[in-house]
Amino acid sequence: MKYNKDTSEKILDSAIDIFQEKGFNGTRMQAIADKAKINKSLLHYYFKSKDKLFQIIIEKAVKLFIPRVLKVINVEGDIFQMIRDFVSAYIDMLRKNPHIPSFIINEINNNPERLLKLIKSSGFNVDFVKVKIQEDIDKGIIRDISPEHLLLNTLSLCIFPLVAKPMVVGIILNGEEDKFEKLLDERKKVVANFIIDSIKI
């Protein structure tokens, strides 16, 4: 049987939808095959197992995410502009790929060693960011804050609305889903300013 890239991509797109809807444990290969409009044997020809299929999706997510983040945070210069650029790029990437947060969280819970190995192999390293933060603390540019907490605060404020979208739309936006995209656009400035105001002297 000849490998067809279009069929492979169709399967991956269908798998993303089913994994998001059912979670890893609730997902069945037959449901993915039905979504992709192919038979189950063809699905197994392209992807031997549910775990293998999920692993490929995770690998694609990490490979998509890491280079974009590194491109922003590797820039030398003003830490405040770096924060603004990171928050904007991170929110944009997550809104274009809303499955990434839930997939990463699933992998953290079920196979953290595999995820850590994948991230490390991608060249992702935040040590130089920690050094930059400490240098700016020493220069009196920003307050004395743990680099680890600054990184966690920034990531958490960006990711939460997307991970908790049903709650955000249902409670905070009173069920008005059409306002969600506008909220994300506003978050870019709000989150960046919140973080900067919390550390700026």
C-alpha atoms as a PDB file:
ATOM      1  CA  MET A   1       0.000   0.000   0.000  1.00  0.00           C
ATOM      2  CA  LYS A   2       1.344   3.429  -0.955  1.00  0.00           C
ATOM      3  CA  TYR A   3       1.751   6.071   1.756  1.00  0.00           C
ATOM      4  CA  ASN A   4      -0.385   9.142   1.101  1.00  0.00           C
ATOM      5  CA  LYS A   5       0.521  12.366   2.904  1.00  0.00           C
ATOM      6  CA  ASP A   6      -2.995  13.814   2.516  1.00  0.00           C
ATOM      7  CA  THR A   7      -4.516  10.732   4.152  1.00  0.00           C
ATOM      8  CA  SER A   8      -1.962  10.922   6.953  1.00  0.00           C
ATOM      9  CA  GLU A   9      -2.765  14.594   7.619  1.00  0.00           C
ATOM     10  CA  LYS A  10      -6.494  13.880   7.519  1.00  0.00           C
ATOM     11  CA  ILE A  11      -6.009  11.172  10.147  1.00  0.00           C
ATOM     12  CA  LEU A  12      -3.925  13.479  12.346  1.00  0.00           C
ATOM     13  CA  ASP A  13      -6.512  16.275  12.115  1.00  0.00           C
ATOM     14  CA  SER A  14      -9.293  13.824  12.979  1.00  0.00           C
ATOM     15  CA  ALA A  15      -7.274  12.383  15.870  1.00  0.00           C
ATOM     16  CA  ILE A  16      -6.694  15.869  17.300  1.00  0.00           C
ATOM     17  CA  ASP A  17     -10.450  16.512  17.283  1.00  0.00           C
ATOM     18  CA  ILE A  18     -11.296  13.179  18.930  1.00  0.00           C
ATOM     19  CA  PHE A  19      -8.506  13.394  21.518  1.00  0.00           C
ATOM     20  CA  GLN A  20      -9.687  16.895  22.450  1.00  0.00           C
ATOM     21  CA  GLU A  21     -13.298  15.775  22.740  1.00  0.00           C
ATOM     22  CA  LYS A  22     -12.803  12.429  24.503  1.00  0.00           C
ATOM     23  CA  GLY A  23      -9.371  12.707  26.113  1.00  0.00           C
ATOM     24  CA  PHE A  24      -6.660  10.105  25.577  1.00  0.00           C
ATOM     25  CA  ASN A  25      -8.296   7.331  27.621  1.00  0.00           C
ATOM     26  CA  GLY A  26     -11.730   7.878  26.094  1.00  0.00           C
ATOM     27  CA  THR A  27     -10.516   7.908  22.505  1.00  0.00           C
ATOM     28  CA  ARG A  28     -10.982   4.804  20.323  1.00  0.00           C
ATOM     29  CA  MET A  29      -9.193   4.143  17.054  1.00  0.00           C
ATOM     30  CA  GLN A  30     -12.556   3.363  15.433  1.00  0.00           C
ATOM     31  CA  ALA A  31     -13.805   6.858  16.311  1.00  0.00           C
ATOM     32  CA  ILE A  32     -10.722   8.378  14.655  1.00  0.00           C
ATOM     33  CA  ALA A  33     -11.235   6.213  11.564  1.00  0.00           C
ATOM     34  CA  ASP A  34     -14.901   7.236  11.386  1.00  0.00           C
ATOM     35  CA  LYS A  35     -13.990  10.914  11.725  1.00  0.00           C
ATOM     36  CA  ALA A  36     -11.373  10.596   8.967  1.00  0.00           C
ATOM     37  CA  LYS A  37     -13.834   8.622   6.811  1.00  0.00           C
ATOM     38  CA  ILE A  38     -11.478   5.674   6.384  1.00  0.00           C
ATOM     39  CA  ASN A  39     -11.614   2.072   7.563  1.00  0.00           C
ATOM     40  CA  LYS A  40      -9.857   1.005  10.741  1.00  0.00           C
ATOM     41  CA  SER A  41      -7.351  -1.226   8.954  1.00  0.00           C
ATOM     42  CA  LEU A  42      -6.128   1.760   6.908  1.00  0.00           C
ATOM     43  CA  LEU A  43      -5.777   3.769  10.112  1.00  0.00           C
ATOM     44  CA  HIS A  44      -3.610   1.004  11.605  1.00  0.00           C
ATOM     45  CA  TYR A  45      -1.545   0.915   8.408  1.00  0.00           C
ATOM     46  CA  TYR A  46      -0.595   4.572   8.886  1.00  0.00           C
ATOM     47  CA  PHE A  47      -0.454   4.586  12.683  1.00  0.00           C
ATOM     48  CA  LYS A  48       0.061   1.304  14.498  1.00  0.00           C
ATOM     49  CA  SER A  49      -1.612   2.295  17.766  1.00  0.00           C
ATOM     50  CA  LYS A  50      -3.421   5.064  19.606  1.00  0.00           C
ATOM     51  CA  ASP A  51      -0.313   5.707  21.691  1.00  0.00           C
ATOM     52  CA  LYS A  52       1.853   6.077  18.570  1.00  0.00           C
ATOM     53  CA  LEU A  53      -0.660   8.444  17.006  1.00  0.00           C
ATOM     54  CA  PHE A  54      -0.809  10.554  20.157  1.00  0.00           C
ATOM     55  CA  GLN A  55       2.987  10.606  20.385  1.00  0.00           C
ATOM     56  CA  ILE A  56       3.263  11.929  16.821  1.00  0.00           C
ATOM     57  CA  ILE A  57       0.764  14.702  17.616  1.00  0.00           C
ATOM     58  CA  ILE A  58       2.734  15.647  20.733  1.00  0.00           C
ATOM     59  CA  GLU A  59       5.994  15.696  18.752  1.00  0.00           C
ATOM     60  CA  LYS A  60       4.441  17.953  16.124  1.00  0.00           C
ATOM     61  CA  ALA A  61       3.105  20.273  18.829  1.00  0.00           C
ATOM     62  CA  VAL A  62       6.498  20.592  20.517  1.00  0.00           C
ATOM     63  CA  LYS A  63       8.307  21.102  17.198  1.00  0.00           C
ATOM     64  CA  LEU A  64       5.814  23.807  16.305  1.00  0.00           C
ATOM     65  CA  PHE A  65       5.962  25.530  19.675  1.00  0.00           C
ATOM     66  CA  ILE A  66       9.647  25.464  20.682  1.00  0.00           C
ATOM     67  CA  PRO A  67      11.219  27.247  17.663  1.00  0.00           C
ATOM     68  CA  ARG A  68       8.713  30.095  17.869  1.00  0.00           C
ATOM     69  CA  VAL A  69       9.335  30.584  21.566  1.00  0.00           C
ATOM     70  CA  LEU A  70      13.110  30.421  21.154  1.00  0.00           C
ATOM     71  CA  LYS A  71      12.979  32.979  18.339  1.00  0.00           C
ATOM     72  CA  VAL A  72      11.293  35.484  20.664  1.00  0.00           C
ATOM     73  CA  ILE A  73      13.186  34.887  23.906  1.00  0.00           C
ATOM     74  CA  ASN A  74      16.624  34.561  22.297  1.00  0.00           C
ATOM     75  CA  VAL A  75      16.572  38.250  21.365  1.00  0.00           C
ATOM     76  CA  GLU A  76      19.063  40.346  23.324  1.00  0.00           C
ATOM     77  CA  GLY A  77      17.958  43.601  24.847  1.00  0.00           C
ATOM     78  CA  ASP A  78      15.070  45.067  26.789  1.00  0.00           C
ATOM     79  CA  ILE A  79      13.456  42.481  29.080  1.00  0.00           C
ATOM     80  CA  PHE A  80      10.153  44.377  28.980  1.00  0.00           C
ATOM     81  CA  GLN A  81       9.978  44.161  25.186  1.00  0.00           C
ATOM     82  CA  MET A  82      10.949  40.493  25.400  1.00  0.00           C
ATOM     83  CA  ILE A  83       7.970  39.916  27.722  1.00  0.00           C
ATOM     84  CA  ARG A  84       5.606  41.754  25.352  1.00  0.00           C
ATOM     85  CA  ASP A  85       6.877  39.812  22.323  1.00  0.00           C
ATOM     86  CA  PHE A  86       6.724  36.472  24.145  1.00  0.00           C
ATOM     87  CA  VAL A  87       3.172  36.973  25.456  1.00  0.00           C
ATOM     88  CA  SER A  88       1.913  38.047  22.025  1.00  0.00           C
ATOM     89  CA  ALA A  89       3.622  35.166  20.170  1.00  0.00           C
ATOM     90  CA  TYR A  90       2.606  32.591  22.788  1.00  0.00           C
ATOM     91  CA  ILE A  91      -1.081  33.567  22.798  1.00  0.00           C
ATOM     92  CA  ASP A  92      -1.170  33.670  18.982  1.00  0.00           C
ATOM     93  CA  MET A  93       0.425  30.229  18.745  1.00  0.00           C
ATOM     94  CA  LEU A  94      -2.000  28.743  21.290  1.00  0.00           C
ATOM     95  CA  ARG A  95      -5.104  30.213  19.653  1.00  0.00           C
ATOM     96  CA  LYS A  96      -4.027  28.790  16.274  1.00  0.00           C
ATOM     97  CA  ASN A  97      -3.337  25.400  17.884  1.00  0.00           C
ATOM     98  CA  PRO A  98      -5.852  25.134  20.746  1.00  0.00           C
ATOM     99  CA  HIS A  99      -5.231  21.399  21.180  1.00  0.00           C
ATOM    100  CA  ILE A 100      -1.638  21.904  22.340  1.00  0.00           C
ATOM    101  CA  PRO A 101      -2.288  22.819  26.009  1.00  0.00           C
ATOM    102  CA  SER A 102      -4.622  19.882  26.699  1.00  0.00           C
ATOM    103  CA  PHE A 103      -2.330  17.463  24.874  1.00  0.00           C
ATOM    104  CA  ILE A 104       0.720  18.653  26.801  1.00  0.00           C
ATOM    105  CA  ILE A 105      -1.161  18.404  30.112  1.00  0.00           C
ATOM    106  CA  ASN A 106      -2.260  14.873  29.215  1.00  0.00           C
ATOM    107  CA  GLU A 107       1.323  13.950  28.433  1.00  0.00           C
ATOM    108  CA  ILE A 108       2.559  15.513  31.696  1.00  0.00           C
ATOM    109  CA  ASN A 109       0.093  13.331  33.596  1.00  0.00           C
ATOM    110  CA  ASN A 110       0.630  10.111  31.667  1.00  0.00           C
ATOM    111  CA  ASN A 111       4.163  10.116  30.275  1.00  0.00           C
ATOM    112  CA  PRO A 112       6.233  13.026  31.662  1.00  0.00           C
ATOM    113  CA  GLU A 113       9.563  11.337  30.871  1.00  0.00           C
ATOM    114  CA  ARG A 114       8.733  11.142  27.170  1.00  0.00           C
ATOM    115  CA  LEU A 115       7.646  14.790  27.089  1.00  0.00           C
ATOM    116  CA  LEU A 116      10.755  16.022  28.934  1.00  0.00           C
ATOM    117  CA  LYS A 117      13.001  14.012  26.620  1.00  0.00           C
ATOM    118  CA  LEU A 118      11.265  15.467  23.574  1.00  0.00           C
ATOM    119  CA  ILE A 119      11.515  19.057  24.863  1.00  0.00           C
ATOM    120  CA  LYS A 120      15.199  18.665  25.772  1.00  0.00           C
ATOM    121  CA  SER A 121      15.999  17.158  22.366  1.00  0.00           C
ATOM    122  CA  SER A 122      14.408  20.211  20.708  1.00  0.00           C
ATOM    123  CA  GLY A 123      17.098  22.475  22.195  1.00  0.00           C
ATOM    124  CA  PHE A 124      14.731  24.298  24.527  1.00  0.00           C
ATOM    125  CA  ASN A 125      16.571  25.725  27.512  1.00  0.00           C
ATOM    126  CA  VAL A 126      15.433  28.564  29.752  1.00  0.00           C
ATOM    127  CA  ASP A 127      18.702  28.941  31.651  1.00  0.00           C
ATOM    128  CA  PHE A 128      19.772  31.973  29.635  1.00  0.00           C
ATOM    129  CA  VAL A 129      16.409  33.615  30.385  1.00  0.00           C
ATOM    130  CA  LYS A 130      17.010  33.046  34.099  1.00  0.00           C
ATOM    131  CA  VAL A 131      20.465  34.619  33.700  1.00  0.00           C
ATOM    132  CA  LYS A 132      18.945  37.633  31.897  1.00  0.00           C
ATOM    133  CA  ILE A 133      16.379  38.078  34.685  1.00  0.00           C
ATOM    134  CA  GLN A 134      19.067  37.863  37.370  1.00  0.00           C
ATOM    135  CA  GLU A 135      21.266  40.374  35.507  1.00  0.00           C
ATOM    136  CA  ASP A 136      18.400  42.875  35.334  1.00  0.00           C
ATOM    137  CA  ILE A 137      17.698  42.344  39.039  1.00  0.00           C
ATOM    138  CA  ASP A 138      21.364  43.047  39.817  1.00  0.00           C
ATOM    139  CA  LYS A 139      21.270  46.199  37.647  1.00  0.00           C
ATOM    140  CA  GLY A 140      18.193  47.460  39.488  1.00  0.00           C
ATOM    141  CA  ILE A 141      16.015  47.344  36.374  1.00  0.00           C
ATOM    142  CA  ILE A 142      13.483  44.922  37.843  1.00  0.00           C
ATOM    143  CA  ARG A 143      12.472  43.878  41.341  1.00  0.00           C
ATOM    144  CA  ASP A 144      14.133  40.977  43.112  1.00  0.00           C
ATOM    145  CA  ILE A 145      11.913  38.129  41.944  1.00  0.00           C
ATOM    146  CA  SER A 146      12.635  34.449  41.531  1.00  0.00           C
ATOM    147  CA  PRO A 147      13.236  33.806  37.781  1.00  0.00           C
ATOM    148  CA  GLU A 148      11.280  30.570  38.148  1.00  0.00           C
ATOM    149  CA  HIS A 149       8.222  32.406  39.481  1.00  0.00           C
ATOM    150  CA  LEU A 150       8.445  35.100  36.808  1.00  0.00           C
ATOM    151  CA  LEU A 151       8.471  32.416  34.091  1.00  0.00           C
ATOM    152  CA  LEU A 152       5.598  30.496  35.715  1.00  0.00           C
ATOM    153  CA  ASN A 153       3.518  33.652  36.195  1.00  0.00           C
ATOM    154  CA  THR A 154       3.923  34.616  32.546  1.00  0.00           C
ATOM    155  CA  LEU A 155       3.129  31.152  31.174  1.00  0.00           C
ATOM    156  CA  SER A 156       0.144  30.638  33.474  1.00  0.00           C
ATOM    157  CA  LEU A 157      -1.490  33.962  32.662  1.00  0.00           C
ATOM    158  CA  CYS A 158      -1.186  33.243  28.938  1.00  0.00           C
ATOM    159  CA  ILE A 159      -2.360  29.654  28.929  1.00  0.00           C
ATOM    160  CA  PHE A 160      -5.229  29.595  31.427  1.00  0.00           C
ATOM    161  CA  PRO A 161      -7.968  31.215  29.282  1.00  0.00           C
ATOM    162  CA  LEU A 162      -7.344  28.650  26.533  1.00  0.00           C
ATOM    163  CA  VAL A 163      -7.149  25.617  28.824  1.00  0.00           C
ATOM    164  CA  ALA A 164     -10.290  26.764  30.642  1.00  0.00           C
ATOM    165  CA  LYS A 165     -12.132  28.131  27.591  1.00  0.00           C
ATOM    166  CA  PRO A 166     -15.531  26.517  28.409  1.00  0.00           C
ATOM    167  CA  MET A 167     -15.471  28.077  31.886  1.00  0.00           C
ATOM    168  CA  VAL A 168     -14.197  31.435  30.594  1.00  0.00           C
ATOM    169  CA  VAL A 169     -16.922  31.596  27.936  1.00  0.00           C
ATOM    170  CA  GLY A 170     -19.669  30.174  30.142  1.00  0.00           C
ATOM    171  CA  ILE A 171     -19.043  32.213  33.285  1.00  0.00           C
ATOM    172  CA  ILE A 172     -16.825  35.220  32.584  1.00  0.00           C
ATOM    173  CA  LEU A 173     -18.269  35.985  29.122  1.00  0.00           C
ATOM    174  CA  ASN A 174     -21.845  34.918  30.040  1.00  0.00           C
ATOM    175  CA  GLY A 175     -21.934  32.350  27.240  1.00  0.00           C
ATOM    176  CA  GLU A 176     -21.036  34.852  24.508  1.00  0.00           C
ATOM    177  CA  GLU A 177     -18.425  32.834  22.632  1.00  0.00           C
ATOM    178  CA  ASP A 178     -18.042  35.479  19.927  1.00  0.00           C
ATOM    179  CA  LYS A 179     -16.278  37.650  22.538  1.00  0.00           C
ATOM    180  CA  PHE A 180     -13.557  35.073  23.210  1.00  0.00           C
ATOM    181  CA  GLU A 181     -11.238  36.062  20.337  1.00  0.00           C
ATOM    182  CA  LYS A 182     -11.471  39.715  21.338  1.00  0.00           C
ATOM    183  CA  LEU A 183     -10.622  38.705  24.909  1.00  0.00           C
ATOM    184  CA  LEU A 184      -7.483  36.896  23.698  1.00  0.00           C
ATOM    185  CA  ASP A 185      -6.390  39.961  21.719  1.00  0.00           C
ATOM    186  CA  GLU A 186      -6.826  42.073  24.839  1.00  0.00           C
ATOM    187  CA  ARG A 187      -4.933  39.513  26.937  1.00  0.00           C
ATOM    188  CA  LYS A 188      -1.740  40.166  24.955  1.00  0.00           C
ATOM    189  CA  LYS A 189      -1.524  43.708  26.289  1.00  0.00           C
ATOM    190  CA  VAL A 190      -3.144  43.053  29.683  1.00  0.00           C
ATOM    191  CA  VAL A 191      -0.879  40.117  30.593  1.00  0.00           C
ATOM    192  CA  ALA A 192       2.307  41.814  29.375  1.00  0.00           C
ATOM    193  CA  ASN A 193       1.490  45.024  31.282  1.00  0.00           C
ATOM    194  CA  PHE A 194       0.506  43.079  34.405  1.00  0.00           C
ATOM    195  CA  ILE A 195       3.804  41.167  34.434  1.00  0.00           C
ATOM    196  CA  ILE A 196       5.893  44.253  33.627  1.00  0.00           C
ATOM    197  CA  ASP A 197       4.148  46.392  36.264  1.00  0.00           C
ATOM    198  CA  SER A 198       4.761  43.665  38.859  1.00  0.00           C
ATOM    199  CA  ILE A 199       8.530  43.662  38.305  1.00  0.00           C
ATOM    200  CA  LYS A 200       9.398  47.156  37.096  1.00  0.00           C
ATOM    201  CA  ILE A 201      11.115  49.495  39.521  1.00  0.00           C
END
